[in-house]
Protein backbone atom coordinates (compact mmCIF):
# COMPACT_ATOMS: atom_id res chain seq x y z
CA MET A 1 162.66 2.99 172.20
CA SER A 2 165.99 4.21 173.15
CA TYR A 3 168.02 4.50 169.75
CA ARG A 4 166.96 6.33 166.69
CA ILE A 5 168.42 6.85 163.09
CA GLY A 6 167.29 8.51 160.20
CA LYS A 7 168.05 8.26 156.43
CA SER A 8 166.98 10.88 153.50
CA PHE A 9 166.37 10.07 150.15
CA THR A 10 165.16 12.24 147.04
CA PHE A 11 163.19 11.83 143.83
CA ASP A 12 161.66 14.22 141.26
CA ALA A 13 158.02 13.99 140.21
CA ALA A 14 154.98 15.87 139.01
CA HIS A 15 151.55 15.99 140.48
CA CYS A 16 148.50 17.99 140.50
CA LEU A 17 145.80 18.57 143.34
CA PRO A 18 142.50 18.58 141.08
CA SER A 19 140.24 19.04 143.98
CA LEU A 20 141.58 22.50 144.80
CA PRO A 21 139.74 25.33 143.01
CA PRO A 22 141.10 25.91 139.54
CA GLU A 23 142.75 29.33 140.31
CA HIS A 24 144.85 27.55 143.10
CA LYS A 25 148.44 27.12 141.62
CA CYS A 26 148.77 23.59 143.04
CA SER A 27 145.51 22.70 140.91
CA ARG A 28 147.65 22.94 137.86
CA LEU A 29 150.41 20.20 136.91
CA HIS A 30 153.75 20.98 138.49
CA GLY A 31 156.91 19.38 139.90
CA HIS A 32 158.94 19.10 143.01
CA THR A 33 162.27 17.63 143.93
CA TYR A 34 160.93 15.67 147.05
CA THR A 35 163.11 14.73 149.81
CA VAL A 36 161.84 11.56 152.06
CA GLU A 37 163.16 11.22 155.48
CA VAL A 38 162.63 8.00 157.59
CA VAL A 39 163.10 7.56 161.11
CA LEU A 40 163.63 4.29 162.61
CA SER A 41 163.97 3.23 166.32
CA ALA A 42 165.20 0.05 168.29
CA ALA A 43 165.21 -0.68 172.14
CA LYS A 44 168.56 -2.53 171.50
CA LEU A 45 171.20 -2.28 169.11
CA ALA A 46 171.96 -5.08 166.64
CA SER A 47 175.42 -6.30 165.86
CA PRO A 48 177.86 -4.55 165.54
CA GLY A 49 175.81 -1.51 167.19
CA PHE A 50 173.16 -0.41 164.65
CA VAL A 51 169.48 0.39 164.88
CA THR A 52 169.70 -1.11 161.51
CA ASP A 53 172.35 -1.11 158.67
CA PHE A 54 171.53 1.76 156.39
CA GLY A 55 172.32 -0.66 153.61
CA GLU A 56 169.28 -2.55 154.55
CA LEU A 57 167.24 0.54 153.72
CA ARG A 58 168.07 -0.03 149.96
CA PRO A 59 164.75 -1.48 149.00
CA LEU A 60 163.06 1.83 149.87
CA ARG A 61 165.45 3.75 147.42
CA ASN A 62 164.72 1.08 144.74
CA TYR A 63 161.20 1.61 145.41
CA LEU A 64 161.33 5.34 145.05
CA ASP A 65 163.24 4.97 141.86
CA ALA A 66 161.23 2.59 140.29
CA THR A 67 157.76 3.86 141.41
CA LEU A 68 157.91 7.28 142.17
CA ASP A 69 160.89 9.03 140.43
CA HIS A 70 160.05 11.13 137.32
CA ARG A 71 156.58 9.93 137.46
CA HIS A 72 153.07 11.75 137.33
CA LEU A 73 151.92 11.05 140.83
CA ASN A 74 148.40 11.16 140.41
CA LYS A 75 148.80 7.90 137.96
CA VAL A 76 150.86 6.21 140.63
CA ILE A 77 149.18 6.47 144.00
CA ASP A 78 145.36 5.93 144.56
CA VAL A 79 144.89 9.10 146.78
CA GLU A 80 145.44 12.85 145.76
CA PRO A 81 149.37 12.97 146.10
CA THR A 82 149.76 15.69 148.80
CA SER A 83 152.70 15.56 150.84
CA GLU A 84 150.77 14.03 153.69
CA ASN A 85 149.09 11.46 151.47
CA LEU A 86 152.63 10.69 150.18
CA ALA A 87 154.25 10.18 153.60
CA ARG A 88 151.38 7.75 154.54
CA HIS A 89 151.87 5.92 151.30
CA ILE A 90 155.51 5.35 151.62
CA ALA A 91 155.31 4.52 155.35
CA GLU A 92 152.49 1.82 154.54
CA TRP A 93 154.72 0.58 151.87
CA PHE A 94 157.84 0.42 153.99
CA ARG A 95 156.05 -1.19 156.73
CA GLU A 96 154.88 -4.06 154.46
CA HIS A 97 158.13 -4.54 152.47
CA VAL A 98 161.20 -3.53 154.59
CA GLU A 99 160.33 -3.34 158.37
CA PRO A 100 159.81 -7.16 158.52
CA THR A 101 163.12 -7.93 157.38
CA ILE A 102 165.09 -5.40 159.73
CA PRO A 103 165.53 -5.24 163.48
CA ALA A 104 164.16 -1.64 163.82
CA SER A 105 160.76 -0.29 163.56
CA LEU A 106 159.60 2.62 161.53
CA GLU A 107 158.59 5.76 163.68
CA MET A 108 157.65 8.35 160.94
CA VAL A 109 158.02 9.44 157.33
CA ARG A 110 158.51 13.21 156.56
CA VAL A 111 158.22 14.31 152.90
CA HIS A 112 159.62 17.63 151.85
CA GLU A 113 158.09 19.02 148.60
CA SER A 114 160.55 22.07 148.93
CA PRO A 115 163.37 22.87 151.14
CA THR A 116 161.01 25.05 153.40
CA SER A 117 157.77 22.76 153.37
CA TRP A 118 157.31 19.36 154.82
CA ALA A 119 154.64 16.96 156.01
CA GLU A 120 155.00 14.13 158.34
CA TYR A 121 153.29 10.79 158.79
CA GLN A 122 153.90 9.31 162.45
CA VAL A 123 153.42 5.46 162.42
CA PRO A 124 150.66 4.36 164.93
CA ARG A 125 151.69 1.71 167.39
CA SER A 126 149.37 -0.33 169.12
């Protein structure tokens, strides 16, 4: 792909990682201000010269607000809500609900749980 764009979104949520030992701080309920970054690509630009219009990413913003924001993530997604699992969950949702409606392909989703820590899921291409 020749062109790439990125867009960031934030949401606040709580989670715990119960498979960790009880003495691990992340085994206890705690919260983060998450930042989600998506990177999209296209081999050619759509009119008037976009990979995709950023406005066409609004469904992702709406999904994050309605489903993840100010939620207990353990009760929302069906896997342990690590940043890695959240990145994959968001990528799969995006590919099903947004990607078919836009002229671009999702390359990756990065989830920051703090300003200095992140996990990334790169979308496999066949």
